[in-house]
Amino acid sequence: MKIEFDKIETSVIKNFKGGEKQIEAKMFVDERNRIMNAKLEPGASIGVHTHDTSSEIIFIVKGTGKAICESIEEPLKAGDCHYCLKGQTHTLINNGTEDLLFLAVVPQQA
């Protein structure tokens, strides 16, 4: 199945999961997955949250930032991938000077 993000409306969510500023995302959602093409502007973040029923894979396309997963800080740059396992707690922060562009896949798990 092909997902054409350029044909999906952008959602702007302020303080996503309690984070700073806002996230802009084009999202494909079905009963099994949430797949996002997203952007965090400098200083923006996704708040700390736990993946109780899913994991999350985040591939950094452009920019720099950091993930904090289970209290471990991981610097991220274009080409890096952050993986948050089911049951773990994490956050994503754009601490760089340009937009942080990323693709995220959140598969639901039993």
C-alpha atoms as a PDB file:
ATOM      1  CA  MET A   1       0.000   0.000   0.000  1.00  0.00           C
ATOM      2  CA  LYS A   2       1.313   3.422  -0.952  1.00  0.00           C
ATOM      3  CA  ILE A   3       0.811   6.338   1.436  1.00  0.00           C
ATOM      4  CA  GLU A   4       0.917   9.721  -0.294  1.00  0.00           C
ATOM      5  CA  PHE A   5       1.621  12.209   2.464  1.00  0.00           C
ATOM      6  CA  ASP A   6       1.321  15.137   0.051  1.00  0.00           C
ATOM      7  CA  LYS A   7      -2.402  14.277  -0.268  1.00  0.00           C
ATOM      8  CA  ILE A   8      -3.006  14.147   3.513  1.00  0.00           C
ATOM      9  CA  GLU A   9      -4.075  17.264   5.403  1.00  0.00           C
ATOM     10  CA  THR A  10      -1.581  18.600   7.940  1.00  0.00           C
ATOM     11  CA  SER A  11      -2.703  18.449  11.560  1.00  0.00           C
ATOM     12  CA  VAL A  12      -1.288  21.055  13.920  1.00  0.00           C
ATOM     13  CA  ILE A  13      -1.365  19.869  17.529  1.00  0.00           C
ATOM     14  CA  LYS A  14      -0.327  22.291  20.274  1.00  0.00           C
ATOM     15  CA  ASN A  15       1.474  20.912  23.315  1.00  0.00           C
ATOM     16  CA  PHE A  16       1.312  17.324  21.978  1.00  0.00           C
ATOM     17  CA  LYS A  17       1.383  14.881  24.909  1.00  0.00           C
ATOM     18  CA  GLY A  18       2.230  17.863  27.153  1.00  0.00           C
ATOM     19  CA  GLY A  19       5.196  18.996  25.060  1.00  0.00           C
ATOM     20  CA  GLU A  20       6.352  22.489  24.156  1.00  0.00           C
ATOM     21  CA  LYS A  21       5.012  24.508  21.214  1.00  0.00           C
ATOM     22  CA  GLN A  22       3.388  22.355  18.516  1.00  0.00           C
ATOM     23  CA  ILE A  23       3.837  19.434  16.155  1.00  0.00           C
ATOM     24  CA  GLU A  24       2.770  19.533  12.510  1.00  0.00           C
ATOM     25  CA  ALA A  25       1.990  16.082  11.135  1.00  0.00           C
ATOM     26  CA  LYS A  26       0.435  14.326   8.186  1.00  0.00           C
ATOM     27  CA  MET A  27      -0.940  11.086   9.617  1.00  0.00           C
ATOM     28  CA  PHE A  28      -2.130   7.797   8.210  1.00  0.00           C
ATOM     29  CA  VAL A  29      -4.074   5.856  10.825  1.00  0.00           C
ATOM     30  CA  ASP A  30      -5.756   2.460  10.704  1.00  0.00           C
ATOM     31  CA  GLU A  31      -6.505  -0.218  13.309  1.00  0.00           C
ATOM     32  CA  ARG A  32      -2.906  -1.515  13.207  1.00  0.00           C
ATOM     33  CA  ASN A  33      -0.628   1.506  12.768  1.00  0.00           C
ATOM     34  CA  ARG A  34      -0.171   5.240  12.982  1.00  0.00           C
ATOM     35  CA  ILE A  35       2.330   6.461  10.386  1.00  0.00           C
ATOM     36  CA  MET A  36       3.376  10.108  10.534  1.00  0.00           C
ATOM     37  CA  ASN A  37       5.388  12.538   8.469  1.00  0.00           C
ATOM     38  CA  ALA A  38       6.004  15.265  11.034  1.00  0.00           C
ATOM     39  CA  LYS A  39       7.835  18.442  11.968  1.00  0.00           C
ATOM     40  CA  LEU A  40       8.930  20.029  15.232  1.00  0.00           C
ATOM     41  CA  GLU A  41      10.168  23.620  15.023  1.00  0.00           C
ATOM     42  CA  PRO A  42      13.189  24.656  17.117  1.00  0.00           C
ATOM     43  CA  GLY A  43      12.298  24.491  20.817  1.00  0.00           C
ATOM     44  CA  ALA A  44       9.280  22.231  20.220  1.00  0.00           C
ATOM     45  CA  SER A  45       8.848  18.814  21.793  1.00  0.00           C
ATOM     46  CA  ILE A  46       6.561  15.847  22.167  1.00  0.00           C
ATOM     47  CA  GLY A  47       5.844  15.411  25.859  1.00  0.00           C
ATOM     48  CA  VAL A  48       6.975  12.442  27.922  1.00  0.00           C
ATOM     49  CA  HIS A  49       4.631   9.506  27.333  1.00  0.00           C
ATOM     50  CA  THR A  50       4.544   5.720  27.731  1.00  0.00           C
ATOM     51  CA  HIS A  51       3.801   3.237  24.949  1.00  0.00           C
ATOM     52  CA  ASP A  52       1.480   0.849  26.786  1.00  0.00           C
ATOM     53  CA  THR A  53      -0.006  -0.844  23.703  1.00  0.00           C
ATOM     54  CA  SER A  54       2.482   0.068  20.979  1.00  0.00           C
ATOM     55  CA  SER A  55       6.107   0.675  20.157  1.00  0.00           C
ATOM     56  CA  GLU A  56       7.423   3.620  18.109  1.00  0.00           C
ATOM     57  CA  ILE A  57      10.088   3.937  15.444  1.00  0.00           C
ATOM     58  CA  ILE A  58      11.225   7.478  14.587  1.00  0.00           C
ATOM     59  CA  PHE A  59      13.491   8.094  11.579  1.00  0.00           C
ATOM     60  CA  ILE A  60      15.103  11.546  11.487  1.00  0.00           C
ATOM     61  CA  VAL A  61      14.969  13.044   7.988  1.00  0.00           C
ATOM     62  CA  LYS A  62      16.362  16.534   8.648  1.00  0.00           C
ATOM     63  CA  GLY A  63      17.643  18.567  11.574  1.00  0.00           C
ATOM     64  CA  THR A  64      18.932  17.662  15.009  1.00  0.00           C
ATOM     65  CA  GLY A  65      17.293  16.900  18.299  1.00  0.00           C
ATOM     66  CA  LYS A  66      17.243  14.402  21.087  1.00  0.00           C
ATOM     67  CA  ALA A  67      15.133  11.597  22.457  1.00  0.00           C
ATOM     68  CA  ILE A  68      15.032  10.722  26.118  1.00  0.00           C
ATOM     69  CA  CYS A  69      13.988   7.102  26.516  1.00  0.00           C
ATOM     70  CA  GLU A  70      13.821   5.448  29.918  1.00  0.00           C
ATOM     71  CA  SER A  71      15.896   8.391  31.277  1.00  0.00           C
ATOM     72  CA  ILE A  72      18.671   7.846  28.698  1.00  0.00           C
ATOM     73  CA  GLU A  73      19.359  10.849  26.455  1.00  0.00           C
ATOM     74  CA  GLU A  74      20.110  10.100  22.800  1.00  0.00           C
ATOM     75  CA  PRO A  75      21.287  12.878  20.451  1.00  0.00           C
ATOM     76  CA  LEU A  76      19.636  12.529  17.023  1.00  0.00           C
ATOM     77  CA  LYS A  77      20.538  13.808  13.551  1.00  0.00           C
ATOM     78  CA  ALA A  78      19.407  13.156   9.985  1.00  0.00           C
ATOM     79  CA  GLY A  79      19.790   9.468   9.195  1.00  0.00           C
ATOM     80  CA  ASP A  80      19.373   8.324  12.817  1.00  0.00           C
ATOM     81  CA  CYS A  81      16.543   6.133  14.032  1.00  0.00           C
ATOM     82  CA  HIS A  82      15.086   6.129  17.550  1.00  0.00           C
ATOM     83  CA  TYR A  83      13.215   3.007  18.688  1.00  0.00           C
ATOM     84  CA  CYS A  84      10.941   3.042  21.737  1.00  0.00           C
ATOM     85  CA  LEU A  85       9.829  -0.439  22.794  1.00  0.00           C
ATOM     86  CA  LYS A  86       6.351  -1.302  24.032  1.00  0.00           C
ATOM     87  CA  GLY A  87       6.165  -0.405  27.719  1.00  0.00           C
ATOM     88  CA  GLN A  88       8.897   2.241  27.547  1.00  0.00           C
ATOM     89  CA  THR A  89       8.561   5.967  28.224  1.00  0.00           C
ATOM     90  CA  HIS A  90      10.119   8.578  25.948  1.00  0.00           C
ATOM     91  CA  THR A  91      10.053  12.119  24.573  1.00  0.00           C
ATOM     92  CA  LEU A  92      11.340  13.799  21.388  1.00  0.00           C
ATOM     93  CA  ILE A  93      12.827  17.314  21.561  1.00  0.00           C
ATOM     94  CA  ASN A  94      14.055  19.664  18.849  1.00  0.00           C
ATOM     95  CA  ASN A  95      17.019  21.318  20.535  1.00  0.00           C
ATOM     96  CA  GLY A  96      18.528  22.358  17.199  1.00  0.00           C
ATOM     97  CA  THR A  97      18.327  25.584  15.198  1.00  0.00           C
ATOM     98  CA  GLU A  98      16.262  24.280  12.263  1.00  0.00           C
ATOM     99  CA  ASP A  99      13.066  22.272  11.862  1.00  0.00           C
ATOM    100  CA  LEU A 100      13.289  18.634  12.938  1.00  0.00           C
ATOM    101  CA  LEU A 101      11.632  16.536  10.221  1.00  0.00           C
ATOM    102  CA  PHE A 102      10.895  12.896  10.942  1.00  0.00           C
ATOM    103  CA  LEU A 103       8.867   9.861   9.981  1.00  0.00           C
ATOM    104  CA  ALA A 104       7.297   7.887  12.806  1.00  0.00           C
ATOM    105  CA  VAL A 105       5.617   4.480  12.814  1.00  0.00           C
ATOM    106  CA  VAL A 106       3.546   3.441  15.834  1.00  0.00           C
ATOM    107  CA  PRO A 107       2.420  -0.207  15.432  1.00  0.00           C
ATOM    108  CA  GLN A 108      -0.267  -1.425  17.824  1.00  0.00           C
ATOM    109  CA  GLN A 109       0.723  -4.570  19.721  1.00  0.00           C
ATOM    110  CA  ALA A 110      -1.384  -6.967  21.757  1.00  0.00           C
END
